[in-house]
């Protein structure tokens, strides 16, 4: 089964998309936002951030897939500032949420900044921790893809665990250009060390051609 959350309209899909069913949910739901980050944790979906109007949020909500109900999670610690289009993956320990990047700062669509920060939310005690990674740090980004991977033979171990990040969009305050990224990075989630796997130059979104044919064209969202 799969699901999507958009403006608080939740659909449950069972195999065939023709069987999609609008879910009537309960609890304390979030405001309808765009660009939130989600990850599945056991029988729940953890939702972080997003934007409504010109406000970036840092709220965390849990949607229970058994009771179809929302719960607001009050978090403490190194709480990140509000952000949109960040990535979120479940940590190697199975009980943390790793949030990376996103749009922060000014909230109008003509001038905003992308971020490089990494945060870990302990889903047991709801405490945030800011991660200070080592190695060559990738450029700030939002709208990128991130996936968790455990090396073969170590599926039950918190070690040998990595987060792969591809592409996204890079923007800077007071710079009205937007840059598409086509790079690939890996973060070792045991040592929190970054390493570049493929790092072509960034490209203005206004540019239609992509000269480097050895990898996919830059893309975001």
C-alpha atoms as a PDB file:
ATOM      1  CA  UNK A   1       0.000   0.000   0.000  1.00  0.00           C
ATOM      2  CA  UNK A   2       1.072   3.601  -0.581  1.00  0.00           C
ATOM      3  CA  UNK A   3      -0.254   7.019   0.326  1.00  0.00           C
ATOM      4  CA  UNK A   4       0.161  10.723  -0.286  1.00  0.00           C
ATOM      5  CA  UNK A   5      -0.525  13.790   1.821  1.00  0.00           C
ATOM      6  CA  UNK A   6      -1.510  17.029   0.091  1.00  0.00           C
ATOM      7  CA  UNK A   7      -3.391  19.859   1.757  1.00  0.00           C
ATOM      8  CA  UNK A   8      -4.656  17.355   4.323  1.00  0.00           C
ATOM      9  CA  UNK A   9      -6.395  15.207   1.738  1.00  0.00           C
ATOM     10  CA  UNK A  10      -5.198  11.662   2.425  1.00  0.00           C
ATOM     11  CA  UNK A  11      -5.723   8.776   0.070  1.00  0.00           C
ATOM     12  CA  UNK A  12      -5.108   5.090   0.648  1.00  0.00           C
ATOM     13  CA  UNK A  13      -4.109   3.100  -2.423  1.00  0.00           C
ATOM     14  CA  UNK A  14      -4.291  -0.687  -2.426  1.00  0.00           C
ATOM     15  CA  UNK A  15      -2.427  -2.067  -5.409  1.00  0.00           C
ATOM     16  CA  UNK A  16      -4.702  -0.705  -8.133  1.00  0.00           C
ATOM     17  CA  UNK A  17      -4.937   3.096  -8.278  1.00  0.00           C
ATOM     18  CA  UNK A  18      -8.599   2.730  -9.263  1.00  0.00           C
ATOM     19  CA  UNK A  19      -9.247   1.580  -5.678  1.00  0.00           C
ATOM     20  CA  UNK A  20      -8.030   4.824  -4.099  1.00  0.00           C
ATOM     21  CA  UNK A  21     -10.072   5.725  -1.039  1.00  0.00           C
ATOM     22  CA  UNK A  22     -10.327   9.119   0.674  1.00  0.00           C
ATOM     23  CA  UNK A  23      -9.455   8.584   4.354  1.00  0.00           C
ATOM     24  CA  UNK A  24     -11.507  10.238   7.085  1.00  0.00           C
ATOM     25  CA  UNK A  25      -8.886  11.016   9.703  1.00  0.00           C
ATOM     26  CA  UNK A  26      -9.052  12.105  13.335  1.00  0.00           C
ATOM     27  CA  UNK A  27      -6.786  13.636  15.962  1.00  0.00           C
ATOM     28  CA  UNK A  28      -4.936  16.948  15.667  1.00  0.00           C
ATOM     29  CA  UNK A  29      -4.028  17.440  12.002  1.00  0.00           C
ATOM     30  CA  UNK A  30      -1.431  19.882  10.654  1.00  0.00           C
ATOM     31  CA  UNK A  31      -2.335  22.825   8.469  1.00  0.00           C
ATOM     32  CA  UNK A  32      -2.389  22.040   4.777  1.00  0.00           C
ATOM     33  CA  UNK A  33       1.163  22.735   3.589  1.00  0.00           C
ATOM     34  CA  UNK A  34       3.363  22.159   0.574  1.00  0.00           C
ATOM     35  CA  UNK A  35       6.904  20.818   0.524  1.00  0.00           C
ATOM     36  CA  UNK A  36       6.758  18.892   3.794  1.00  0.00           C
ATOM     37  CA  UNK A  37       9.102  15.956   4.435  1.00  0.00           C
ATOM     38  CA  UNK A  38       7.811  12.509   5.352  1.00  0.00           C
ATOM     39  CA  UNK A  39       9.146   9.097   6.307  1.00  0.00           C
ATOM     40  CA  UNK A  40       7.445   5.855   7.322  1.00  0.00           C
ATOM     41  CA  UNK A  41       8.146   4.665  10.883  1.00  0.00           C
ATOM     42  CA  UNK A  42       6.551   1.305  11.665  1.00  0.00           C
ATOM     43  CA  UNK A  43       2.755   1.873  11.338  1.00  0.00           C
ATOM     44  CA  UNK A  44       3.050   5.655  11.158  1.00  0.00           C
ATOM     45  CA  UNK A  45       4.122   8.454   8.861  1.00  0.00           C
ATOM     46  CA  UNK A  46       6.302  11.179  10.381  1.00  0.00           C
ATOM     47  CA  UNK A  47       5.767  14.585   8.758  1.00  0.00           C
ATOM     48  CA  UNK A  48       8.107  17.539   9.202  1.00  0.00           C
ATOM     49  CA  UNK A  49       7.964  21.159   8.054  1.00  0.00           C
ATOM     50  CA  UNK A  50       6.462  22.555   4.892  1.00  0.00           C
ATOM     51  CA  UNK A  51       5.199  25.948   3.794  1.00  0.00           C
ATOM     52  CA  UNK A  52       1.830  27.651   4.037  1.00  0.00           C
ATOM     53  CA  UNK A  53       1.660  31.057   2.387  1.00  0.00           C
ATOM     54  CA  UNK A  54       4.986  32.729   3.124  1.00  0.00           C
ATOM     55  CA  UNK A  55       5.719  30.827   6.333  1.00  0.00           C
ATOM     56  CA  UNK A  56       8.089  27.870   6.631  1.00  0.00           C
ATOM     57  CA  UNK A  57       7.155  25.510   9.468  1.00  0.00           C
ATOM     58  CA  UNK A  58       9.230  23.246  11.718  1.00  0.00           C
ATOM     59  CA  UNK A  59       6.307  21.316  13.201  1.00  0.00           C
ATOM     60  CA  UNK A  60       6.402  17.539  13.493  1.00  0.00           C
ATOM     61  CA  UNK A  61       3.264  15.405  13.202  1.00  0.00           C
ATOM     62  CA  UNK A  62       2.662  11.675  13.281  1.00  0.00           C
ATOM     63  CA  UNK A  63      -0.068  10.040  11.212  1.00  0.00           C
ATOM     64  CA  UNK A  64      -1.009   6.644  12.643  1.00  0.00           C
ATOM     65  CA  UNK A  65      -1.809   4.256   9.781  1.00  0.00           C
ATOM     66  CA  UNK A  66      -3.791   1.963  12.102  1.00  0.00           C
ATOM     67  CA  UNK A  67      -6.250   4.463  13.599  1.00  0.00           C
ATOM     68  CA  UNK A  68      -5.990   7.015  10.734  1.00  0.00           C
ATOM     69  CA  UNK A  69      -5.340   9.742  13.283  1.00  0.00           C
ATOM     70  CA  UNK A  70      -2.931  12.663  13.622  1.00  0.00           C
ATOM     71  CA  UNK A  71      -0.762  13.514  16.640  1.00  0.00           C
ATOM     72  CA  UNK A  72       1.278  16.677  17.089  1.00  0.00           C
ATOM     73  CA  UNK A  73       4.740  15.881  18.462  1.00  0.00           C
ATOM     74  CA  UNK A  74       6.157  18.465  20.831  1.00  0.00           C
ATOM     75  CA  UNK A  75       9.916  18.460  20.218  1.00  0.00           C
ATOM     76  CA  UNK A  76      12.857  19.871  22.158  1.00  0.00           C
ATOM     77  CA  UNK A  77      16.630  20.127  21.750  1.00  0.00           C
ATOM     78  CA  UNK A  78      18.314  21.650  18.691  1.00  0.00           C
ATOM     79  CA  UNK A  79      15.021  22.366  16.961  1.00  0.00           C
ATOM     80  CA  UNK A  80      15.662  23.318  13.297  1.00  0.00           C
ATOM     81  CA  UNK A  81      14.178  26.482  11.867  1.00  0.00           C
ATOM     82  CA  UNK A  82      11.218  26.073   9.528  1.00  0.00           C
ATOM     83  CA  UNK A  83      12.006  24.714   6.089  1.00  0.00           C
ATOM     84  CA  UNK A  84      10.440  23.426   2.890  1.00  0.00           C
ATOM     85  CA  UNK A  85      11.507  20.722   0.393  1.00  0.00           C
ATOM     86  CA  UNK A  86      14.019  19.148   2.797  1.00  0.00           C
ATOM     87  CA  UNK A  87      14.690  15.421   2.616  1.00  0.00           C
ATOM     88  CA  UNK A  88      13.806  13.009   5.402  1.00  0.00           C
ATOM     89  CA  UNK A  89      14.911   9.412   5.875  1.00  0.00           C
ATOM     90  CA  UNK A  90      14.607   7.024   8.782  1.00  0.00           C
ATOM     91  CA  UNK A  91      17.931   6.727  10.610  1.00  0.00           C
ATOM     92  CA  UNK A  92      20.014   3.562  10.803  1.00  0.00           C
ATOM     93  CA  UNK A  93      18.864   2.852  14.352  1.00  0.00           C
ATOM     94  CA  UNK A  94      15.264   2.675  13.150  1.00  0.00           C
ATOM     95  CA  UNK A  95      14.104   5.227  15.708  1.00  0.00           C
ATOM     96  CA  UNK A  96      15.361   8.551  14.367  1.00  0.00           C
ATOM     97  CA  UNK A  97      14.464  10.878  11.526  1.00  0.00           C
ATOM     98  CA  UNK A  98      17.335  12.415   9.531  1.00  0.00           C
ATOM     99  CA  UNK A  99      16.378  15.766   7.959  1.00  0.00           C
ATOM    100  CA  UNK A 100      18.733  17.401   5.458  1.00  0.00           C
ATOM    101  CA  UNK A 101      18.717  20.704   3.578  1.00  0.00           C
ATOM    102  CA  UNK A 102      15.612  22.553   2.443  1.00  0.00           C
ATOM    103  CA  UNK A 103      14.469  26.109   1.791  1.00  0.00           C
ATOM    104  CA  UNK A 104      14.923  28.443   4.752  1.00  0.00           C
ATOM    105  CA  UNK A 105      15.149  32.169   5.425  1.00  0.00           C
ATOM    106  CA  UNK A 106      13.148  34.571   3.310  1.00  0.00           C
ATOM    107  CA  UNK A 107       9.917  33.002   2.235  1.00  0.00           C
ATOM    108  CA  UNK A 108       8.861  34.784  -0.940  1.00  0.00           C
ATOM    109  CA  UNK A 109       9.427  32.846  -4.132  1.00  0.00           C
ATOM    110  CA  UNK A 110      11.808  35.398  -5.679  1.00  0.00           C
ATOM    111  CA  UNK A 111      14.520  35.369  -3.027  1.00  0.00           C
ATOM    112  CA  UNK A 112      15.216  32.605  -0.556  1.00  0.00           C
ATOM    113  CA  UNK A 113      18.123  30.482   0.609  1.00  0.00           C
ATOM    114  CA  UNK A 114      18.799  26.768   0.564  1.00  0.00           C
ATOM    115  CA  UNK A 115      20.435  25.064   3.511  1.00  0.00           C
ATOM    116  CA  UNK A 116      23.138  22.487   4.296  1.00  0.00           C
ATOM    117  CA  UNK A 117      22.112  21.619   7.851  1.00  0.00           C
ATOM    118  CA  UNK A 118      21.493  18.050   9.038  1.00  0.00           C
ATOM    119  CA  UNK A 119      19.279  17.273  12.014  1.00  0.00           C
ATOM    120  CA  UNK A 120      18.353  14.025  13.720  1.00  0.00           C
ATOM    121  CA  UNK A 121      15.065  13.672  15.589  1.00  0.00           C
ATOM    122  CA  UNK A 122      14.897  10.909  18.177  1.00  0.00           C
ATOM    123  CA  UNK A 123      11.418   9.474  17.644  1.00  0.00           C
ATOM    124  CA  UNK A 124      11.341   7.918  21.116  1.00  0.00           C
ATOM    125  CA  UNK A 125      11.862  11.088  23.182  1.00  0.00           C
ATOM    126  CA  UNK A 126      11.228  13.701  20.434  1.00  0.00           C
ATOM    127  CA  UNK A 127      14.586  15.431  20.964  1.00  0.00           C
ATOM    128  CA  UNK A 128      16.368  17.101  18.031  1.00  0.00           C
ATOM    129  CA  UNK A 129      20.156  16.954  17.607  1.00  0.00           C
ATOM    130  CA  UNK A 130      22.074  19.041  15.079  1.00  0.00           C
ATOM    131  CA  UNK A 131      24.670  16.969  13.234  1.00  0.00           C
ATOM    132  CA  UNK A 132      28.107  18.401  12.430  1.00  0.00           C
ATOM    133  CA  UNK A 133      29.370  16.237   9.556  1.00  0.00           C
ATOM    134  CA  UNK A 134      32.957  15.822   8.440  1.00  0.00           C
ATOM    135  CA  UNK A 135      34.474  15.589   4.967  1.00  0.00           C
ATOM    136  CA  UNK A 136      33.723  17.729   1.925  1.00  0.00           C
ATOM    137  CA  UNK A 137      30.292  19.195   2.575  1.00  0.00           C
ATOM    138  CA  UNK A 138      27.954  19.297  -0.462  1.00  0.00           C
ATOM    139  CA  UNK A 139      26.437  22.585  -1.649  1.00  0.00           C
ATOM    140  CA  UNK A 140      23.182  23.721   0.005  1.00  0.00           C
ATOM    141  CA  UNK A 141      20.059  22.365  -1.671  1.00  0.00           C
ATOM    142  CA  UNK A 142      16.328  21.771  -1.582  1.00  0.00           C
ATOM    143  CA  UNK A 143      14.031  19.531  -3.585  1.00  0.00           C
ATOM    144  CA  UNK A 144      16.675  16.798  -3.756  1.00  0.00           C
ATOM    145  CA  UNK A 145      16.286  13.032  -3.423  1.00  0.00           C
ATOM    146  CA  UNK A 146      17.642  11.083  -0.464  1.00  0.00           C
ATOM    147  CA  UNK A 147      17.649   7.342   0.214  1.00  0.00           C
ATOM    148  CA  UNK A 148      18.952   5.146   3.007  1.00  0.00           C
ATOM    149  CA  UNK A 149      21.083   2.118   2.151  1.00  0.00           C
ATOM    150  CA  UNK A 150      22.567  -0.620   4.307  1.00  0.00           C
ATOM    151  CA  UNK A 151      25.401  -2.685   2.890  1.00  0.00           C
ATOM    152  CA  UNK A 152      24.539  -6.247   1.932  1.00  0.00           C
ATOM    153  CA  UNK A 153      24.670  -8.615   4.877  1.00  0.00           C
ATOM    154  CA  UNK A 154      24.190  -5.842   7.444  1.00  0.00           C
ATOM    155  CA  UNK A 155      20.441  -5.210   7.284  1.00  0.00           C
ATOM    156  CA  UNK A 156      20.041  -5.567  11.055  1.00  0.00           C
ATOM    157  CA  UNK A 157      23.017  -3.398  11.984  1.00  0.00           C
ATOM    158  CA  UNK A 158      23.128   0.343  12.566  1.00  0.00           C
ATOM    159  CA  UNK A 159      26.626   0.259  11.104  1.00  0.00           C
ATOM    160  CA  UNK A 160      27.425   0.069   7.386  1.00  0.00           C
ATOM    161  CA  UNK A 161      24.572   2.501   6.807  1.00  0.00           C
ATOM    162  CA  UNK A 162      24.628   5.411   4.365  1.00  0.00           C
ATOM    163  CA  UNK A 163      22.367   8.155   3.018  1.00  0.00           C
ATOM    164  CA  UNK A 164      22.657   8.900  -0.698  1.00  0.00           C
ATOM    165  CA  UNK A 165      21.650  12.370  -1.916  1.00  0.00           C
ATOM    166  CA  UNK A 166      21.094  13.356  -5.530  1.00  0.00           C
ATOM    167  CA  UNK A 167      20.363  16.655  -7.259  1.00  0.00           C
ATOM    168  CA  UNK A 168      18.080  19.395  -6.045  1.00  0.00           C
ATOM    169  CA  UNK A 169      17.887  23.142  -6.431  1.00  0.00           C
ATOM    170  CA  UNK A 170      20.335  25.710  -5.104  1.00  0.00           C
ATOM    171  CA  UNK A 171      19.405  29.337  -4.481  1.00  0.00           C
ATOM    172  CA  UNK A 172      20.953  32.224  -2.591  1.00  0.00           C
ATOM    173  CA  UNK A 173      19.487  35.278  -0.922  1.00  0.00           C
ATOM    174  CA  UNK A 174      19.763  38.397  -3.135  1.00  0.00           C
ATOM    175  CA  UNK A 175      20.502  36.187  -6.155  1.00  0.00           C
ATOM    176  CA  UNK A 176      17.369  35.791  -8.258  1.00  0.00           C
ATOM    177  CA  UNK A 177      18.809  32.936 -10.305  1.00  0.00           C
ATOM    178  CA  UNK A 178      18.003  29.341  -9.457  1.00  0.00           C
ATOM    179  CA  UNK A 179      20.548  26.597  -9.979  1.00  0.00           C
ATOM    180  CA  UNK A 180      19.841  22.941 -10.713  1.00  0.00           C
ATOM    181  CA  UNK A 181      22.143  20.316  -9.234  1.00  0.00           C
ATOM    182  CA  UNK A 182      23.084  17.001 -10.822  1.00  0.00           C
ATOM    183  CA  UNK A 183      25.556  15.766  -8.220  1.00  0.00           C
ATOM    184  CA  UNK A 184      25.559  12.599  -6.128  1.00  0.00           C
ATOM    185  CA  UNK A 185      26.784  12.477  -2.529  1.00  0.00           C
ATOM    186  CA  UNK A 186      26.922   9.859   0.190  1.00  0.00           C
ATOM    187  CA  UNK A 187      26.803  10.482   3.938  1.00  0.00           C
ATOM    188  CA  UNK A 188      28.083   7.735   6.206  1.00  0.00           C
ATOM    189  CA  UNK A 189      25.504   7.726   9.012  1.00  0.00           C
ATOM    190  CA  UNK A 190      27.889   5.950  11.399  1.00  0.00           C
ATOM    191  CA  UNK A 191      30.712   8.516  11.176  1.00  0.00           C
ATOM    192  CA  UNK A 192      28.644  11.357   9.630  1.00  0.00           C
ATOM    193  CA  UNK A 193      31.244  11.903   6.918  1.00  0.00           C
ATOM    194  CA  UNK A 194      30.308  13.242   3.479  1.00  0.00           C
ATOM    195  CA  UNK A 195      31.878  12.013   0.249  1.00  0.00           C
ATOM    196  CA  UNK A 196      31.233  13.173  -3.314  1.00  0.00           C
ATOM    197  CA  UNK A 197      30.507  10.386  -5.798  1.00  0.00           C
ATOM    198  CA  UNK A 198      29.700  12.559  -8.803  1.00  0.00           C
ATOM    199  CA  UNK A 199      29.924  16.349  -8.791  1.00  0.00           C
ATOM    200  CA  UNK A 200      29.412  18.117 -12.128  1.00  0.00           C
ATOM    201  CA  UNK A 201      29.060  21.917 -12.144  1.00  0.00           C
ATOM    202  CA  UNK A 202      25.740  23.489 -11.205  1.00  0.00           C
ATOM    203  CA  UNK A 203      23.504  24.752 -13.991  1.00  0.00           C
ATOM    204  CA  UNK A 204      21.149  27.712 -14.275  1.00  0.00           C
ATOM    205  CA  UNK A 205      17.559  26.520 -14.579  1.00  0.00           C
ATOM    206  CA  UNK A 206      17.173  28.914 -17.513  1.00  0.00           C
ATOM    207  CA  UNK A 207      19.755  26.857 -19.453  1.00  0.00           C
ATOM    208  CA  UNK A 208      18.143  24.129 -21.531  1.00  0.00           C
ATOM    209  CA  UNK A 209      21.260  22.184 -22.568  1.00  0.00           C
ATOM    210  CA  UNK A 210      23.508  20.038 -20.414  1.00  0.00           C
ATOM    211  CA  UNK A 211      26.982  19.527 -21.789  1.00  0.00           C
ATOM    212  CA  UNK A 212      28.180  16.730 -19.488  1.00  0.00           C
ATOM    213  CA  UNK A 213      26.707  13.528 -20.879  1.00  0.00           C
ATOM    214  CA  UNK A 214      28.345  11.161 -18.376  1.00  0.00           C
ATOM    215  CA  UNK A 215      25.514  11.529 -15.856  1.00  0.00           C
ATOM    216  CA  UNK A 216      21.838  12.484 -15.679  1.00  0.00           C
ATOM    217  CA  UNK A 217      20.821  16.073 -16.271  1.00  0.00           C
ATOM    218  CA  UNK A 218      20.413  18.233 -13.159  1.00  0.00           C
ATOM    219  CA  UNK A 219      16.932  18.013 -11.670  1.00  0.00           C
ATOM    220  CA  UNK A 220      14.928  18.829  -8.556  1.00  0.00           C
ATOM    221  CA  UNK A 221      11.602  18.017  -6.822  1.00  0.00           C
END
